[in-house]
C-alpha cells in the first residue's frame, strides 16, 4: 500500500486507542481542502479582474484580490471534453482515441482503473465529490439505460459523491444524475435518448418552432425541453427534467451541501459550472443586470456561484485552509447556437481580451483562460506571469499531498506546486494546445508554432477563427500577443526547433 507522510502518523498511532485517533484526526486536518471551480466557456476577458471594464464580477475579483491571479494559464484544449479529460487524468487528451467532444449519450471516456485526480485524493484520505457539468460520458456505450443505475460513472474513478449534468445544457438527456441514478426519477415518465432519430410524436425545434421560448441560430433544433430545443432526441423524464433557469441554483446548492457535510475532514470538490455555456437562461434575478443580454447575465450568475462557495467556506470556518482554484475549460464563444442577443449586445466587451480566436481555436484565446489560486494559509495576494497549464495540477497536487504517483499515472503532468503557490516565479517553458480539429500548437519561451492543417479554417456559425492553415504558423507572442503576423519565414531556425519539439512530445518523450 502506498502512503504519504501526512498519513503515516495515523497509521503508526492506529493501534493506540482513542488518544491516537484524536491525534490522527488533528494531523489529517492539517491537509487543505481543495476545490476546483471549472467554469464553462468563460474567456480570458470575461472577468473584471482580468481588466475588462465592461463586466463586473465582484465575487471572483474578491478571490483574486486575496489570492494569486495568473496571466498566462492554459487549458489543454479549446473544447470541453478534452480539456476536462486532461485536467482529471494528467494526460494530453489528443493521445487518447475518443476523447474529442462527447455527445450526450457517450460512454464513459475515463475508464475504470484509470488513476484520476479523484483517485489521488482518495489515496490521501480525502472525501471526494464531483458536482455540475460532467461531459465525460457515462455508462459503457451510447445505449445507456437512463432508468436505473448507470455504470461506469464517477464512483468508479475515485469520487465518493456525484451530482451531474451528464453532458451539456444544450444536449439531452436534460436530467441530473446523482450517484449514477437519475435524480428525482419519475417512474411515470421513463427516459429514452437517441442521437440518431426522433421518437414518434415528439416535437422538435425544427418542426415546431412555435413551442420555443429560445430559438436556435444554428443546429440545436432537435428535442424541446422547457421551450428550448437541444442536440439529440429525448422522450420522457417528467418531474426529473431540469429547469434551465435554476441550474446554477441547484448545482451550487449541491456543492454547498457537499462542503458542509464534508468539512470535518479534508475534501476534494470538482465543481463544473454550467455558466456560461449555451443555452443561456439565467435566473430572473440576473436577467437584464449585465446590459449584455443572456451571456452577460450568465457571467453574473457564475459570479454569484463563486460568492456562494466562498461564503460557505467562511461560515463553516474552513476558508483559511481551503485551496480554491477558479478557471475555465476553454476560451469564449459568443453565438454558439441560440438567438440570445449575445452578439448584438456585446458592445465593447472583449471576452477574449487581447488575444485572437476563442473556443474551438488554435489561437491563444482558445486555451488561454482565467486562472486564480486562493489559499489564505499559504498564498499571498499577487499576479503571476508564469506559463502554467491545468494539466500540471495533477502532479502538483500529488506533491502537495506527498503522494508518489503510480507508474503510468498522469504521464504528461509535472509538479509546479511552488509556482501555483506563488513561491516561485518560473513556470513551464513550453505548453501544447489543441483545437477542435486536433490541430496542435506549442508555445515555448514566447514563441508559438501551429502545425499545418487542412481542416476548416473558419467557423461560419460561431464566427470563430479555428486557426487551421495548410502552412505552418509561427508567432512571437511577446511582441504580437494577438497573433497577427506569421513570422515563419523570418525565423526558420525557431520554426524547425518547435516543430521538432512537438514531434518529440507527440511521441511521448520529453523535448
Protein backbone atom coordinates (compact mmCIF):
# COMPACT_ATOMS: atom_id res chain seq x y z
CA UNK A 1 0.00 0.00 0.00
CA UNK A 2 1.30 3.42 -0.94
CA UNK A 3 1.31 6.03 1.81
CA UNK A 4 2.17 9.69 2.19
CA UNK A 5 3.91 11.36 5.06
CA UNK A 6 0.72 13.15 6.09
CA UNK A 7 -1.00 9.83 6.82
CA UNK A 8 1.96 7.94 8.32
CA UNK A 9 1.33 9.32 11.86
CA UNK A 10 -2.23 7.98 11.62
CA UNK A 11 -1.02 4.51 10.64
CA UNK A 12 1.61 4.38 13.38
CA UNK A 13 -0.84 5.51 16.06
CA UNK A 14 -3.74 3.41 14.80
CA UNK A 15 -3.30 0.68 17.44
CA UNK A 16 -3.07 3.03 20.41
CA UNK A 17 -6.74 3.64 21.12
CA UNK A 18 -8.87 6.78 21.41
CA UNK A 19 -5.99 9.16 22.11
CA UNK A 20 -4.28 8.08 18.91
CA UNK A 21 -7.46 8.63 16.90
CA UNK A 22 -7.61 12.21 18.16
CA UNK A 23 -4.01 12.78 17.16
CA UNK A 24 -4.73 11.20 13.80
CA UNK A 25 -7.69 13.49 13.20
CA UNK A 26 -5.71 16.61 14.05
CA UNK A 27 -2.85 15.54 11.80
CA UNK A 28 -5.16 14.77 8.89
CA UNK A 29 -6.95 18.10 9.26
CA UNK A 30 -3.72 19.92 8.51
CA UNK A 31 -4.20 18.97 4.87
CA UNK A 32 -6.04 21.62 2.88
CA UNK A 33 -9.46 21.13 1.40
CA UNK A 34 -9.26 21.55 -2.37
CA UNK A 35 -11.98 22.97 -4.63
CA UNK A 36 -11.60 23.32 -8.39
CA UNK A 37 -14.29 25.57 -9.87
CA UNK A 38 -14.22 24.90 -13.60
CA UNK A 39 -16.36 27.46 -15.40
CA UNK A 40 -17.70 26.74 -18.87
CA UNK A 41 -16.70 28.79 -21.95
CA UNK A 42 -15.52 31.72 -19.83
CA UNK A 43 -12.90 33.68 -21.70
CA UNK A 44 -9.81 35.49 -20.53
CA UNK A 45 -11.65 38.81 -20.73
CA UNK A 46 -14.94 37.71 -19.18
CA UNK A 47 -13.96 38.51 -15.59
CA UNK A 48 -13.42 42.08 -14.45
CA UNK A 49 -10.26 41.18 -12.53
CA UNK A 50 -8.68 40.46 -15.92
CA UNK A 51 -9.07 44.05 -16.99
CA UNK A 52 -12.33 44.33 -18.93
CA UNK A 53 -14.31 47.30 -17.53
CA UNK A 54 -17.48 46.20 -19.33
CA UNK A 55 -18.39 43.49 -16.81
CA UNK A 56 -18.32 43.37 -13.02
CA UNK A 57 -17.60 40.10 -11.20
CA UNK A 58 -17.05 41.23 -7.60
CA UNK A 59 -17.05 37.78 -6.01
CA UNK A 60 -14.43 36.41 -8.37
CA UNK A 61 -12.48 39.64 -8.01
CA UNK A 62 -12.50 39.24 -4.22
CA UNK A 63 -10.97 35.78 -4.54
CA UNK A 64 -8.35 37.14 -6.94
CA UNK A 65 -7.53 40.08 -4.67
CA UNK A 66 -6.81 37.65 -1.85
CA UNK A 67 -5.06 35.07 -3.99
CA UNK A 68 -2.79 34.67 -7.00
CA UNK A 69 -4.04 35.57 -10.46
CA UNK A 70 -2.21 34.02 -13.42
CA UNK A 71 -2.00 35.84 -16.75
CA UNK A 72 -0.55 33.00 -18.87
CA UNK A 73 -2.54 29.93 -17.85
CA UNK A 74 -3.87 27.35 -20.29
CA UNK A 75 -6.39 24.59 -20.61
CA UNK A 76 -5.08 21.65 -22.62
CA UNK A 77 -7.74 22.12 -25.27
CA UNK A 78 -10.08 24.64 -26.82
CA UNK A 79 -13.12 22.42 -26.24
CA UNK A 80 -14.86 20.97 -23.23
CA UNK A 81 -14.45 17.19 -23.09
CA UNK A 82 -10.73 17.08 -23.96
CA UNK A 83 -9.95 19.88 -21.52
CA UNK A 84 -11.75 18.09 -18.67
CA UNK A 85 -10.11 14.81 -19.56
CA UNK A 86 -6.65 16.39 -19.40
CA UNK A 87 -7.30 18.05 -16.05
CA UNK A 88 -8.64 14.92 -14.34
CA UNK A 89 -6.11 12.46 -15.79
CA UNK A 90 -2.92 14.49 -16.25
CA UNK A 91 -2.71 13.15 -19.80
CA UNK A 92 -2.95 15.07 -23.04
CA UNK A 93 -6.38 14.17 -24.47
CA UNK A 94 -5.11 14.06 -28.02
CA UNK A 95 -3.18 10.94 -27.04
CA UNK A 96 -6.48 9.13 -26.43
CA UNK A 97 -8.87 7.93 -29.10
CA UNK A 98 -12.42 9.00 -28.31
CA UNK A 99 -11.53 11.98 -26.11
CA UNK A 100 -12.99 14.53 -28.51
CA UNK A 101 -16.17 16.49 -27.81
CA UNK A 102 -18.55 13.89 -26.40
CA UNK A 103 -22.18 13.52 -27.49
CA UNK A 104 -24.78 13.42 -24.75
CA UNK A 105 -25.02 9.64 -24.86
CA UNK A 106 -21.28 8.91 -24.95
CA UNK A 107 -19.97 6.02 -22.92
CA UNK A 108 -17.59 6.78 -20.05
CA UNK A 109 -14.39 8.18 -21.57
CA UNK A 110 -12.23 7.93 -18.44
CA UNK A 111 -12.27 4.18 -17.99
CA UNK A 112 -12.44 2.43 -14.61
CA UNK A 113 -8.95 1.58 -13.45
CA UNK A 114 -7.59 4.94 -14.59
CA UNK A 115 -5.75 6.72 -11.79
CA UNK A 116 -7.53 10.07 -11.72
CA UNK A 117 -7.24 13.21 -9.66
CA UNK A 118 -10.08 11.83 -7.55
CA UNK A 119 -8.06 8.63 -7.03
CA UNK A 120 -5.17 10.76 -5.83
CA UNK A 121 -7.27 12.50 -3.20
CA UNK A 122 -8.89 9.24 -2.12
CA UNK A 123 -5.43 7.85 -1.52
CA UNK A 124 -4.67 10.94 0.55
CA UNK A 125 -7.64 10.26 2.82
CA UNK A 126 -9.98 12.84 1.29
CA UNK A 127 -13.71 12.74 0.74
CA UNK A 128 -14.18 13.36 -2.98
CA UNK A 129 -17.09 14.91 -4.87
CA UNK A 130 -17.97 15.89 -8.43
CA UNK A 131 -20.80 18.37 -8.95
CA UNK A 132 -22.15 20.10 -12.05
CA UNK A 133 -21.24 19.67 -15.68
CA UNK A 134 -19.55 16.34 -16.46
CA UNK A 135 -19.35 15.87 -20.26
CA UNK A 136 -17.03 12.87 -19.99
CA UNK A 137 -19.59 10.20 -20.80
CA UNK A 138 -21.48 7.76 -18.61
CA UNK A 139 -22.08 4.03 -18.93
CA UNK A 140 -20.44 1.50 -21.19
CA UNK A 141 -21.82 2.60 -24.56
CA UNK A 142 -24.23 5.02 -26.15
CA UNK A 143 -27.10 2.65 -25.29
CA UNK A 144 -27.35 3.61 -21.62
CA UNK A 145 -30.34 2.65 -19.55
CA UNK A 146 -31.20 6.01 -18.01
CA UNK A 147 -33.87 4.36 -15.87
CA UNK A 148 -31.56 2.52 -13.49
CA UNK A 149 -28.00 2.50 -12.16
CA UNK A 150 -25.70 3.97 -14.83
CA UNK A 151 -22.27 2.40 -14.76
CA UNK A 152 -19.43 3.09 -15.11
CA UNK A 153 -19.50 6.61 -13.74
CA UNK A 154 -17.68 8.94 -11.35
CA UNK A 155 -18.00 6.48 -8.46
CA UNK A 156 -15.83 4.09 -10.49
CA UNK A 157 -12.93 6.52 -10.88
CA UNK A 158 -12.43 7.78 -7.35
CA UNK A 159 -15.39 10.01 -6.49
CA UNK A 160 -17.40 9.31 -3.34
CA UNK A 161 -20.29 11.52 -4.41
CA UNK A 162 -21.53 12.96 -7.68
CA UNK A 163 -24.38 15.18 -8.81
CA UNK A 164 -24.02 15.84 -12.51
CA UNK A 165 -25.34 17.13 -15.76
CA UNK A 166 -24.50 14.18 -17.99
CA UNK A 167 -23.18 16.28 -20.86
CA UNK A 168 -24.01 19.94 -21.60
CA UNK A 169 -27.04 22.14 -21.20
CA UNK A 170 -27.73 22.00 -24.92
CA UNK A 171 -27.64 18.21 -25.14
CA UNK A 172 -30.12 15.62 -23.95
CA UNK A 173 -30.74 14.00 -21.51
CA UNK A 174 -31.85 17.11 -19.58
CA UNK A 175 -31.83 15.49 -16.15
CA UNK A 176 -29.44 15.46 -13.21
CA UNK A 177 -27.55 12.28 -12.35
CA UNK A 178 -26.92 11.76 -8.63
CA UNK A 179 -24.58 8.93 -7.69
CA UNK A 180 -25.28 7.42 -11.10
CA UNK A 181 -29.08 7.40 -10.82
CA UNK A 182 -31.38 9.97 -12.41
CA UNK A 183 -32.19 12.47 -9.67
CA UNK A 184 -35.87 12.81 -8.81
CA UNK A 185 -36.66 9.96 -11.19
CA UNK A 186 -40.22 9.83 -12.45
CA UNK A 187 -41.44 6.24 -12.86
CA UNK A 188 -44.40 7.51 -14.86
CA UNK A 189 -42.09 9.02 -17.49
CA UNK A 190 -39.24 6.59 -18.31
CA UNK A 191 -36.38 8.18 -20.20
CA UNK A 192 -35.29 7.33 -23.71
CA UNK A 193 -32.39 9.03 -25.51
CA UNK A 194 -31.40 8.71 -29.13
CA UNK A 195 -28.88 10.74 -31.11
CA UNK A 196 -29.85 9.21 -34.44
CA UNK A 197 -33.60 9.54 -34.86
CA UNK A 198 -36.57 11.13 -33.14
CA UNK A 199 -39.36 9.35 -31.32
CA UNK A 200 -42.78 9.33 -32.99
CA UNK A 201 -44.91 12.27 -31.97
CA UNK A 202 -42.16 14.12 -30.09
CA UNK A 203 -41.90 17.81 -31.09
CA UNK A 204 -38.63 19.32 -32.27
CA UNK A 205 -37.29 22.81 -32.69
CA UNK A 206 -37.00 22.14 -36.38
CA UNK A 207 -40.67 21.20 -36.88
CA UNK A 208 -42.34 23.08 -34.02
CA UNK A 209 -40.72 26.49 -33.62
CA UNK A 210 -43.98 27.84 -32.19
CA UNK A 211 -43.22 25.88 -28.98
CA UNK A 212 -39.89 27.61 -28.39
CA UNK A 213 -39.07 30.41 -25.96
CA UNK A 214 -35.44 30.45 -27.17
CA UNK A 215 -34.79 29.82 -30.84
CA UNK A 216 -31.64 28.24 -32.30
CA UNK A 217 -29.34 30.24 -34.55
CA UNK A 218 -27.76 27.07 -35.94
CA UNK A 219 -28.22 23.42 -35.07
CA UNK A 220 -29.83 22.82 -31.68
CA UNK A 221 -33.16 22.07 -33.35
CA UNK A 222 -33.98 18.61 -32.05
CA UNK A 223 -35.93 17.69 -28.89
CA UNK A 224 -37.62 20.50 -26.98
CA UNK A 225 -37.22 20.68 -23.19
CA UNK A 226 -38.52 23.72 -21.28
CA UNK A 227 -39.20 25.57 -24.52
CA UNK A 228 -35.58 25.18 -25.68
CA UNK A 229 -34.59 22.79 -28.46
CA UNK A 230 -31.43 20.74 -27.95
CA UNK A 231 -28.92 18.49 -29.65
CA UNK A 232 -30.25 14.94 -29.68
CA UNK A 233 -33.65 13.36 -29.15
CA UNK A 234 -35.23 12.58 -25.82
CA UNK A 235 -38.53 11.16 -24.60
CA UNK A 236 -39.84 11.14 -21.04
CA UNK A 237 -38.21 12.50 -17.92
CA UNK A 238 -41.28 14.05 -16.34
CA UNK A 239 -40.55 15.62 -12.98
CA UNK A 240 -36.86 14.74 -13.33
CA UNK A 241 -36.34 17.27 -16.14
CA UNK A 242 -34.27 20.24 -15.07
CA UNK A 243 -35.40 23.85 -15.33
CA UNK A 244 -32.72 25.82 -17.13
CA UNK A 245 -33.26 28.97 -15.10
CA UNK A 246 -32.47 27.15 -11.84
CA UNK A 247 -29.47 25.06 -12.92
CA UNK A 248 -26.99 27.40 -11.23
CA UNK A 249 -29.04 27.36 -8.02
CA UNK A 250 -29.38 23.57 -7.99
CA UNK A 251 -25.77 22.61 -8.65
CA UNK A 252 -24.42 25.39 -6.42
CA UNK A 253 -26.72 24.13 -3.68
CA UNK A 254 -25.38 20.61 -4.08
CA UNK A 255 -21.80 21.90 -3.95
CA UNK A 256 -22.60 23.81 -0.77
CA UNK A 257 -24.21 20.70 0.75
CA UNK A 258 -21.11 18.67 -0.07
CA UNK A 259 -18.82 21.23 1.58
CA UNK A 260 -20.93 21.38 4.72
CA UNK A 261 -21.23 17.62 5.05
CA UNK A 262 -17.52 17.05 4.42
CA UNK A 263 -15.98 19.86 6.47
CA UNK A 264 -14.84 17.67 9.38
CA UNK A 265 -12.13 16.01 7.27
CA UNK A 266 -10.22 17.05 4.16
CA UNK A 267 -12.30 17.03 1.00
CA UNK A 268 -11.79 17.49 -2.74
CA UNK A 269 -14.58 19.05 -4.79
CA UNK A 270 -14.52 19.17 -8.58
CA UNK A 271 -17.24 21.69 -9.43
CA UNK A 272 -18.09 22.25 -13.09
CA UNK A 273 -20.44 25.18 -13.54
CA UNK A 274 -22.99 25.28 -16.34
CA UNK A 275 -22.43 29.00 -16.81
CA UNK A 276 -21.78 30.42 -19.30
CA UNK A 277 -22.43 27.62 -21.80
CA UNK A 278 -25.48 27.71 -24.06
CA UNK A 279 -28.41 27.69 -23.79
CA UNK A 280 -28.01 30.73 -21.58
CA UNK A 281 -31.12 31.00 -19.44
CA UNK A 282 -30.08 32.71 -16.22
CA UNK A 283 -32.40 33.04 -13.25
CA UNK A 284 -34.76 36.01 -13.30
CA UNK A 285 -32.75 37.77 -10.58
CA UNK A 286 -29.87 38.13 -13.06
CA UNK A 287 -31.87 38.91 -16.20
CA UNK A 288 -31.07 42.34 -17.60
CA UNK A 289 -28.49 43.13 -14.92
CA UNK A 290 -25.36 42.99 -17.11
CA UNK A 291 -26.61 45.06 -20.03
CA UNK A 292 -25.15 42.41 -22.35
CA UNK A 293 -28.10 40.07 -22.60
CA UNK A 294 -28.19 36.44 -21.55
CA UNK A 295 -24.46 35.85 -21.95
CA UNK A 296 -23.52 38.74 -19.70
CA UNK A 297 -26.25 37.82 -17.22
CA UNK A 298 -24.88 34.27 -17.09
CA UNK A 299 -21.48 35.69 -16.16
CA UNK A 300 -23.18 37.40 -13.21
CA UNK A 301 -24.75 34.05 -12.28
CA UNK A 302 -21.29 32.46 -12.33
CA UNK A 303 -20.01 35.23 -10.08
CA UNK A 304 -22.90 34.58 -7.68
CA UNK A 305 -21.97 30.89 -7.63
CA UNK A 306 -18.40 31.73 -6.64
CA UNK A 307 -19.75 34.02 -3.94
CA UNK A 308 -21.92 31.24 -2.51
CA UNK A 309 -18.98 28.83 -2.35
CA UNK A 310 -16.73 31.37 -0.65
CA UNK A 311 -19.48 32.38 1.79
CA UNK A 312 -19.95 28.73 2.75
CA UNK A 313 -16.22 28.30 3.38
CA UNK A 314 -16.21 31.29 5.68
CA UNK A 315 -19.38 30.29 7.52
CA UNK A 316 -18.01 26.81 8.18
CA UNK A 317 -14.70 28.23 9.37
CA UNK A 318 -12.57 26.41 6.81
CA UNK A 319 -11.78 29.20 4.34
CA UNK A 320 -8.21 29.74 5.55
CA UNK A 321 -7.26 26.14 4.94
CA UNK A 322 -9.06 25.60 1.65
CA UNK A 323 -7.23 25.77 -1.66
CA UNK A 324 -9.63 27.17 -4.26
CA UNK A 325 -8.82 27.22 -7.97
CA UNK A 326 -11.08 29.15 -10.36
CA UNK A 327 -10.54 28.58 -14.06
CA UNK A 328 -12.37 27.74 -17.31
CA UNK A 329 -12.46 24.69 -19.57
CA UNK A 330 -11.68 26.69 -22.73
CA UNK A 331 -11.98 30.10 -24.29
CA UNK A 332 -15.11 32.10 -25.09
CA UNK A 333 -17.75 31.86 -27.78
CA UNK A 334 -20.48 34.46 -28.29
CA UNK A 335 -23.02 32.88 -30.65
CA UNK A 336 -22.85 29.15 -30.00
CA UNK A 337 -26.20 28.12 -31.38
CA UNK A 338 -29.03 30.22 -29.93
CA UNK A 339 -30.58 33.60 -30.71
CA UNK A 340 -29.90 35.08 -27.29
CA UNK A 341 -28.71 38.53 -28.46
CA UNK A 342 -25.19 37.82 -27.23
CA UNK A 343 -23.64 39.22 -30.42
CA UNK A 344 -25.94 42.20 -30.71
CA UNK A 345 -25.47 43.25 -27.07
CA UNK A 346 -21.75 42.53 -26.75
CA UNK A 347 -20.86 46.19 -27.13
CA UNK A 348 -17.23 46.93 -26.23
CA UNK A 349 -16.83 43.79 -24.15
CA UNK A 350 -13.95 41.57 -25.31
CA UNK A 351 -14.43 38.02 -23.97
CA UNK A 352 -11.06 37.06 -25.50
CA UNK A 353 -9.17 40.01 -24.02
CA UNK A 354 -6.16 40.96 -26.15
CA UNK A 355 -5.96 37.56 -27.81
CA UNK A 356 -7.09 36.07 -31.10
CA UNK A 357 -9.64 33.30 -31.60
CA UNK A 358 -11.84 31.74 -28.96
CA UNK A 359 -13.46 28.42 -28.17
CA UNK A 360 -12.56 25.78 -30.81
CA UNK A 361 -9.49 27.77 -31.94
CA UNK A 362 -5.76 27.08 -32.17
CA UNK A 363 -5.13 30.74 -31.46
CA UNK A 364 -4.40 31.86 -27.91
CA UNK A 365 -7.94 32.74 -26.86
CA UNK A 366 -8.88 29.10 -27.38
CA UNK A 367 -6.89 27.85 -24.41
CA UNK A 368 -5.58 30.89 -22.50
CA UNK A 369 -8.06 31.06 -19.66
CA UNK A 370 -8.61 32.77 -16.32
CA UNK A 371 -6.77 31.01 -13.51
CA UNK A 372 -6.95 32.12 -9.89
CA UNK A 373 -5.47 30.27 -6.91
CA UNK A 374 -6.63 31.09 -3.37
CA UNK A 375 -5.35 29.64 -0.10
CA UNK A 376 -5.04 32.27 2.65
CA UNK A 377 -2.94 29.99 4.82
CA UNK A 378 -0.24 29.69 2.16
CA UNK A 379 -0.69 32.17 -0.70
CA UNK A 380 -0.06 35.89 -0.70
CA UNK A 381 -2.05 38.15 -2.99
CA UNK A 382 -0.41 38.85 -6.31
CA UNK A 383 -0.21 38.41 -10.06
CA UNK A 384 1.92 35.80 -11.79
CA UNK A 385 3.02 35.87 -15.42
CA UNK A 386 4.38 32.31 -15.21
CA UNK A 387 3.37 29.97 -18.03
CA UNK A 388 1.18 27.28 -16.44
CA UNK A 389 -1.29 24.66 -17.58
CA UNK A 390 -4.22 22.90 -15.95
CA UNK A 391 -2.52 19.66 -16.93
CA UNK A 392 0.06 20.21 -14.18
CA UNK A 393 -2.47 20.49 -11.37
CA UNK A 394 -2.43 16.69 -11.06
CA UNK A 395 1.28 16.23 -10.34
CA UNK A 396 1.39 19.46 -8.35
CA UNK A 397 -1.41 18.38 -6.02
CA UNK A 398 0.24 14.99 -5.65
CA UNK A 399 3.34 16.83 -4.50
CA UNK A 400 1.26 18.87 -2.05
CA UNK A 401 -0.16 15.64 -0.59
CA UNK A 402 3.29 13.99 -0.63
CA UNK A 403 1.98 11.11 -2.71
CA UNK A 404 4.12 9.33 -5.28
CA UNK A 405 2.07 8.68 -8.39
CA UNK A 406 1.88 5.06 -9.58
CA UNK A 407 3.64 4.11 -12.79
CA UNK A 408 1.81 5.41 -15.84
CA UNK A 409 -0.41 7.84 -13.94
CA UNK A 410 -0.68 11.45 -15.13
CA UNK A 411 2.11 10.92 -17.70
CA UNK A 412 2.11 14.48 -19.06
CA UNK A 413 1.67 16.32 -15.76
CA UNK A 414 4.58 18.00 -13.98
CA UNK A 415 4.99 19.39 -10.48
CA UNK A 416 4.72 23.18 -10.38
CA UNK A 417 3.15 23.45 -6.94
CA UNK A 418 5.64 26.11 -5.83
CA UNK A 419 4.62 28.21 -8.84
CA UNK A 420 0.90 27.73 -8.16
CA UNK A 421 1.52 28.85 -4.58
CA UNK A 422 3.48 31.89 -5.71
CA UNK A 423 6.72 30.75 -4.09
CA UNK A 424 8.47 30.54 -7.46
CA UNK A 425 8.08 32.79 -10.48
CA UNK A 426 9.14 30.29 -13.10
CA UNK A 427 6.55 28.16 -14.84
CA UNK A 428 6.87 25.84 -17.77
CA UNK A 429 8.99 26.87 -20.72
CA UNK A 430 6.50 25.17 -23.08
CA UNK A 431 2.89 24.02 -23.31
CA UNK A 432 0.96 22.18 -26.01
CA UNK A 433 -2.50 23.35 -27.08
CA UNK A 434 -5.24 21.55 -29.04
CA UNK A 435 -8.09 22.96 -31.11
CA UNK A 436 -11.42 21.45 -32.19
CA UNK A 437 -9.82 19.62 -35.14
CA UNK A 438 -6.90 18.25 -33.08
CA UNK A 439 -4.54 20.74 -34.66
CA UNK A 440 -1.73 21.11 -32.13
CA UNK A 441 0.29 24.16 -31.18
CA UNK A 442 3.31 24.55 -28.97
CA UNK A 443 4.28 27.65 -27.03
CA UNK A 444 7.90 27.85 -25.96
CA UNK A 445 9.60 30.87 -24.37
CA UNK A 446 7.32 33.38 -26.03
CA UNK A 447 7.16 31.71 -29.44
CA UNK A 448 4.12 29.85 -30.74
CA UNK A 449 4.14 27.27 -33.51
CA UNK A 450 0.88 25.95 -35.00
CA UNK A 451 1.23 22.80 -37.05
CA UNK A 452 -0.17 22.77 -40.60
CA UNK A 453 -3.75 21.58 -41.05
CA UNK A 454 -6.14 21.19 -43.95
CA UNK A 455 -9.16 21.29 -41.63
CA UNK A 456 -11.78 24.00 -41.78
CA UNK A 457 -10.26 27.44 -41.39
CA UNK A 458 -13.21 29.44 -40.11
CA UNK A 459 -16.39 28.70 -38.14
CA UNK A 460 -19.12 30.30 -40.22
CA UNK A 461 -21.73 29.74 -37.50
CA UNK A 462 -19.74 30.64 -34.40
CA UNK A 463 -17.70 33.39 -36.07
CA UNK A 464 -14.54 31.78 -34.69
CA UNK A 465 -11.16 31.57 -36.39
CA UNK A 466 -10.16 27.96 -35.93
CA UNK A 467 -6.50 28.72 -36.57
CA UNK A 468 -6.04 25.99 -39.18
CA UNK A 469 -3.84 26.65 -42.18
CA UNK A 470 -2.16 24.32 -44.71
CA UNK A 471 1.07 26.15 -43.89
CA UNK A 472 2.79 26.10 -40.50
CA UNK A 473 2.39 29.27 -38.45
CA UNK A 474 4.86 30.97 -36.13
CA UNK A 475 4.06 33.90 -33.86
CA UNK A 476 6.13 35.94 -31.45
CA UNK A 477 3.70 36.24 -28.53
CA UNK A 478 5.97 38.62 -26.67
CA UNK A 479 5.57 41.28 -29.35
CA UNK A 480 2.40 40.05 -31.04
CA UNK A 481 0.00 38.58 -28.48
CA UNK A 482 -2.83 38.97 -31.00
CA UNK A 483 -1.06 36.55 -33.40
CA UNK A 484 -1.48 38.84 -36.39
CA UNK A 485 1.91 38.36 -38.05
CA UNK A 486 3.10 34.93 -39.14
CA UNK A 487 6.91 35.20 -38.98
CA UNK A 488 7.61 31.68 -40.17
CA UNK A 489 9.89 32.72 -43.00
CA UNK A 490 11.83 35.18 -40.88
CA UNK A 491 12.76 32.64 -38.19
CA UNK A 492 13.29 29.25 -39.86
CA UNK A 493 15.53 28.01 -37.03
CA UNK A 494 12.87 28.62 -34.40
CA UNK A 495 10.25 27.01 -36.63
CA UNK A 496 12.37 23.87 -37.01
CA UNK A 497 13.09 23.80 -33.29
CA UNK A 498 9.41 23.99 -32.30
CA UNK A 499 8.31 21.58 -34.99
CA UNK A 500 10.87 19.08 -33.69
CA UNK A 501 9.81 19.64 -30.09
CA UNK A 502 6.19 18.98 -30.97
CA UNK A 503 7.12 15.78 -32.81
CA UNK A 504 9.07 14.54 -29.79
CA UNK A 505 6.18 15.36 -27.40
CA UNK A 506 3.69 13.59 -29.67
CA UNK A 507 5.86 10.51 -29.37
CA UNK A 508 5.50 10.62 -25.60
CA UNK A 509 9.02 11.82 -24.90
CA UNK A 510 10.43 14.89 -23.20
CA UNK A 511 11.73 17.55 -25.61
